[in-house]
């Protein structure tokens, strides 16, 4: 090992090298998330992310092989955070189905309103490139699947859904959420929050009981 490599791996101000690398990676993800949720994917460059993060290009390549990899990581971070938020809401929701759906919708609305970047990234920028769109579709059921499955478990319908029903209903729930949240969050749709949440809850209830198995 050379003297320079030994120096590189030493602690700096008491922080281990791997911890510094992890912190820089987190800075890049946060910078990318901020840009995706504000200016949009079309305006993002690797150098722009580095400027936003306050890091040099050298540190970019320490964590990511290219910009697409970082964009995918930022998308996954936002979607999986939303999934965890929904799962937590489901775990603390009332047991009756109508109240459960409304509890989850209210929690998700809170989550999106708390950070305006989240809705844009999930519902707009996730479709900005073929690479993001392919991964975005795969991630959809990470947060709509639990909703569809929970409703179907004690069911609003007399027939049980199969896996295809659940997958299709999850996709349809995502579509409904995307096209309702987008105008609501950007102010195009001027509507009271209470009515918005109630309408979306009713839409989700109806979609979640669609059955095509055996047809």
Protein backbone atom coordinates (compact mmCIF):
# COMPACT_ATOMS: atom_id res chain seq x y z
CA UNK A 1 0.00 0.00 0.00
CA UNK A 2 1.38 3.40 -0.94
CA UNK A 3 1.65 6.36 1.39
CA UNK A 4 -1.02 8.23 -0.58
CA UNK A 5 -3.51 5.34 -0.41
CA UNK A 6 -2.88 4.98 3.31
CA UNK A 7 -3.62 8.69 3.73
CA UNK A 8 -6.83 8.37 1.67
CA UNK A 9 -8.13 5.65 3.96
CA UNK A 10 -7.37 7.43 7.20
CA UNK A 11 -10.03 9.02 9.36
CA UNK A 12 -10.71 12.68 8.68
CA UNK A 13 -11.90 14.65 11.72
CA UNK A 14 -12.75 11.33 13.34
CA UNK A 15 -14.93 10.10 10.45
CA UNK A 16 -14.16 6.81 8.76
CA UNK A 17 -13.56 6.90 4.95
CA UNK A 18 -16.57 4.70 4.23
CA UNK A 19 -18.79 6.98 6.30
CA UNK A 20 -17.57 10.01 4.35
CA UNK A 21 -18.28 8.19 1.08
CA UNK A 22 -21.79 7.30 2.30
CA UNK A 23 -22.41 10.92 3.26
CA UNK A 24 -21.30 12.13 -0.18
CA UNK A 25 -23.58 9.56 -1.83
CA UNK A 26 -26.49 10.82 0.27
CA UNK A 27 -25.66 14.40 -0.76
CA UNK A 28 -25.81 13.45 -4.43
CA UNK A 29 -29.12 11.63 -4.01
CA UNK A 30 -30.62 14.60 -2.16
CA UNK A 31 -29.34 17.03 -4.81
CA UNK A 32 -30.78 14.87 -7.59
CA UNK A 33 -34.09 14.56 -5.75
CA UNK A 34 -34.27 18.33 -5.38
CA UNK A 35 -33.60 18.90 -9.07
CA UNK A 36 -36.03 16.19 -10.21
CA UNK A 37 -38.73 17.68 -8.03
CA UNK A 38 -38.16 21.27 -9.20
CA UNK A 39 -36.58 21.77 -12.64
CA UNK A 40 -37.28 18.23 -13.86
CA UNK A 41 -35.23 15.42 -15.37
CA UNK A 42 -34.86 17.10 -18.77
CA UNK A 43 -32.81 19.90 -17.18
CA UNK A 44 -30.54 17.69 -15.07
CA UNK A 45 -26.92 17.00 -15.88
CA UNK A 46 -24.20 15.23 -13.95
CA UNK A 47 -22.32 18.51 -13.48
CA UNK A 48 -25.51 20.22 -12.35
CA UNK A 49 -26.09 17.58 -9.68
CA UNK A 50 -22.49 17.98 -8.50
CA UNK A 51 -22.93 21.76 -8.24
CA UNK A 52 -26.15 21.31 -6.30
CA UNK A 53 -24.46 18.86 -3.95
CA UNK A 54 -21.33 20.96 -3.59
CA UNK A 55 -19.12 18.08 -4.72
CA UNK A 56 -16.67 17.53 -7.55
CA UNK A 57 -17.24 15.09 -10.42
CA UNK A 58 -14.67 12.77 -8.87
CA UNK A 59 -17.04 12.10 -6.02
CA UNK A 60 -19.93 11.50 -8.40
CA UNK A 61 -18.11 8.54 -9.93
CA UNK A 62 -17.21 7.31 -6.49
CA UNK A 63 -20.89 6.34 -6.03
CA UNK A 64 -22.51 6.20 -9.49
CA UNK A 65 -21.40 5.00 -12.89
CA UNK A 66 -23.62 7.47 -14.79
CA UNK A 67 -26.49 9.92 -14.42
CA UNK A 68 -29.19 7.32 -15.15
CA UNK A 69 -28.04 5.28 -12.17
CA UNK A 70 -28.39 8.29 -9.89
CA UNK A 71 -31.80 9.22 -11.32
CA UNK A 72 -33.03 5.68 -10.73
CA UNK A 73 -31.68 5.72 -7.18
CA UNK A 74 -33.45 9.00 -6.43
CA UNK A 75 -36.72 7.68 -7.89
CA UNK A 76 -36.47 4.46 -5.89
CA UNK A 77 -35.73 6.40 -2.71
CA UNK A 78 -38.83 8.55 -3.11
CA UNK A 79 -41.15 5.67 -4.08
CA UNK A 80 -39.97 3.31 -1.36
CA UNK A 81 -40.27 6.09 1.21
CA UNK A 82 -43.88 6.55 0.06
CA UNK A 83 -44.45 2.80 0.31
CA UNK A 84 -43.17 2.75 3.88
CA UNK A 85 -45.38 5.71 4.76
CA UNK A 86 -48.43 3.91 3.36
CA UNK A 87 -47.58 0.65 5.10
CA UNK A 88 -47.28 2.52 8.39
CA UNK A 89 -50.67 4.12 7.76
CA UNK A 90 -52.24 0.74 6.98
CA UNK A 91 -50.81 -0.69 10.21
CA UNK A 92 -52.45 2.04 12.30
CA UNK A 93 -55.69 2.33 10.32
CA UNK A 94 -59.18 1.52 11.61
CA UNK A 95 -60.33 -2.02 10.88
CA UNK A 96 -63.42 -1.16 8.85
CA UNK A 97 -62.66 -0.85 5.16
CA UNK A 98 -64.11 2.58 4.36
CA UNK A 99 -62.34 4.17 7.33
CA UNK A 100 -59.13 2.33 6.48
CA UNK A 101 -59.07 3.68 2.92
CA UNK A 102 -59.75 7.22 4.09
CA UNK A 103 -57.07 6.96 6.75
CA UNK A 104 -54.49 5.83 4.19
CA UNK A 105 -55.49 8.47 1.63
CA UNK A 106 -55.24 11.22 4.25
CA UNK A 107 -51.81 9.98 5.35
CA UNK A 108 -50.59 9.88 1.76
CA UNK A 109 -51.93 13.36 1.03
CA UNK A 110 -50.07 14.61 4.11
CA UNK A 111 -46.90 12.93 2.83
CA UNK A 112 -47.10 14.60 -0.58
CA UNK A 113 -48.09 18.03 0.70
CA UNK A 114 -45.25 17.94 3.23
CA UNK A 115 -42.69 17.81 0.40
CA UNK A 116 -43.87 19.01 -3.00
CA UNK A 117 -41.03 17.22 -4.78
CA UNK A 118 -42.45 13.81 -4.00
CA UNK A 119 -45.59 14.06 -6.11
CA UNK A 120 -43.78 15.47 -9.12
CA UNK A 121 -41.10 12.78 -9.01
CA UNK A 122 -43.57 9.91 -8.64
CA UNK A 123 -46.28 11.07 -11.00
CA UNK A 124 -44.43 13.16 -13.61
CA UNK A 125 -40.67 12.68 -13.68
CA UNK A 126 -40.93 8.91 -13.27
CA UNK A 127 -42.08 8.87 -16.90
CA UNK A 128 -39.49 11.34 -18.22
CA UNK A 129 -37.19 8.74 -19.81
CA UNK A 130 -37.65 5.12 -20.94
CA UNK A 131 -35.23 3.96 -18.25
CA UNK A 132 -37.12 5.73 -15.49
CA UNK A 133 -40.49 4.66 -16.89
CA UNK A 134 -39.52 0.98 -16.96
CA UNK A 135 -38.33 1.09 -13.36
CA UNK A 136 -41.22 3.31 -12.31
CA UNK A 137 -43.78 0.81 -13.54
CA UNK A 138 -42.02 -1.95 -11.63
CA UNK A 139 -42.10 0.19 -8.48
CA UNK A 140 -45.79 1.06 -8.72
CA UNK A 141 -46.99 -1.99 -6.85
CA UNK A 142 -44.54 -1.20 -4.06
CA UNK A 143 -47.02 1.35 -2.74
CA UNK A 144 -50.32 0.68 -4.52
CA UNK A 145 -50.13 -3.08 -4.03
CA UNK A 146 -50.59 -2.93 -0.25
CA UNK A 147 -53.70 -0.79 -0.70
CA UNK A 148 -55.30 -3.14 -3.21
CA UNK A 149 -54.35 -6.25 -1.23
CA UNK A 150 -55.62 -4.86 2.08
CA UNK A 151 -58.98 -3.91 0.64
CA UNK A 152 -59.28 -7.25 -1.14
CA UNK A 153 -58.43 -9.21 2.00
CA UNK A 154 -61.73 -8.57 3.75
CA UNK A 155 -63.22 -7.57 0.49
CA UNK A 156 -65.93 -5.38 -0.77
CA UNK A 157 -66.81 -8.10 -3.23
CA UNK A 158 -68.09 -11.65 -2.89
CA UNK A 159 -65.44 -13.08 -5.23
CA UNK A 160 -61.75 -13.27 -4.42
CA UNK A 161 -59.17 -11.58 -6.64
CA UNK A 162 -56.40 -13.55 -8.28
CA UNK A 163 -52.86 -12.25 -8.75
CA UNK A 164 -53.75 -10.70 -12.11
CA UNK A 165 -56.69 -8.84 -10.56
CA UNK A 166 -54.41 -7.47 -7.84
CA UNK A 167 -51.72 -6.39 -10.31
CA UNK A 168 -54.22 -4.71 -12.64
CA UNK A 169 -56.02 -3.01 -9.78
CA UNK A 170 -52.71 -1.76 -8.38
CA UNK A 171 -51.85 -0.21 -11.75
CA UNK A 172 -55.29 1.36 -12.01
CA UNK A 173 -55.04 2.79 -8.49
CA UNK A 174 -51.70 4.34 -9.39
CA UNK A 175 -53.21 5.89 -12.52
CA UNK A 176 -56.10 7.34 -10.56
CA UNK A 177 -53.77 8.73 -7.92
CA UNK A 178 -51.40 10.20 -10.51
CA UNK A 179 -54.04 12.00 -12.52
CA UNK A 180 -55.82 13.32 -9.45
CA UNK A 181 -52.82 14.31 -7.36
CA UNK A 182 -50.94 16.06 -10.18
CA UNK A 183 -53.44 18.90 -10.74
CA UNK A 184 -54.30 19.06 -7.05
CA UNK A 185 -50.69 19.48 -5.95
CA UNK A 186 -49.73 22.00 -8.64
CA UNK A 187 -52.80 24.12 -7.96
CA UNK A 188 -54.50 23.52 -11.32
CA UNK A 189 -57.36 21.80 -9.53
CA UNK A 190 -58.76 24.13 -6.89
CA UNK A 191 -60.59 21.91 -4.46
CA UNK A 192 -60.92 21.59 -0.72
CA UNK A 193 -58.59 18.98 0.72
CA UNK A 194 -61.44 17.16 2.48
CA UNK A 195 -63.41 16.71 -0.72
CA UNK A 196 -60.31 15.71 -2.69
CA UNK A 197 -59.39 12.98 -0.20
CA UNK A 198 -62.96 11.71 -0.05
CA UNK A 199 -63.27 11.51 -3.83
CA UNK A 200 -59.97 9.66 -4.21
CA UNK A 201 -60.92 7.27 -1.41
CA UNK A 202 -64.15 6.38 -3.21
CA UNK A 203 -62.31 5.88 -6.50
CA UNK A 204 -59.78 3.55 -4.85
CA UNK A 205 -62.56 1.57 -3.16
CA UNK A 206 -64.24 0.99 -6.50
CA UNK A 207 -61.06 0.06 -8.37
CA UNK A 208 -59.83 -2.33 -5.68
CA UNK A 209 -62.88 -4.63 -6.06
CA UNK A 210 -62.71 -5.05 -9.85
CA UNK A 211 -62.59 -8.75 -10.74
CA UNK A 212 -61.96 -10.19 -14.19
CA UNK A 213 -60.93 -13.70 -13.10
CA UNK A 214 -63.24 -16.29 -14.61
CA UNK A 215 -64.72 -13.87 -17.10
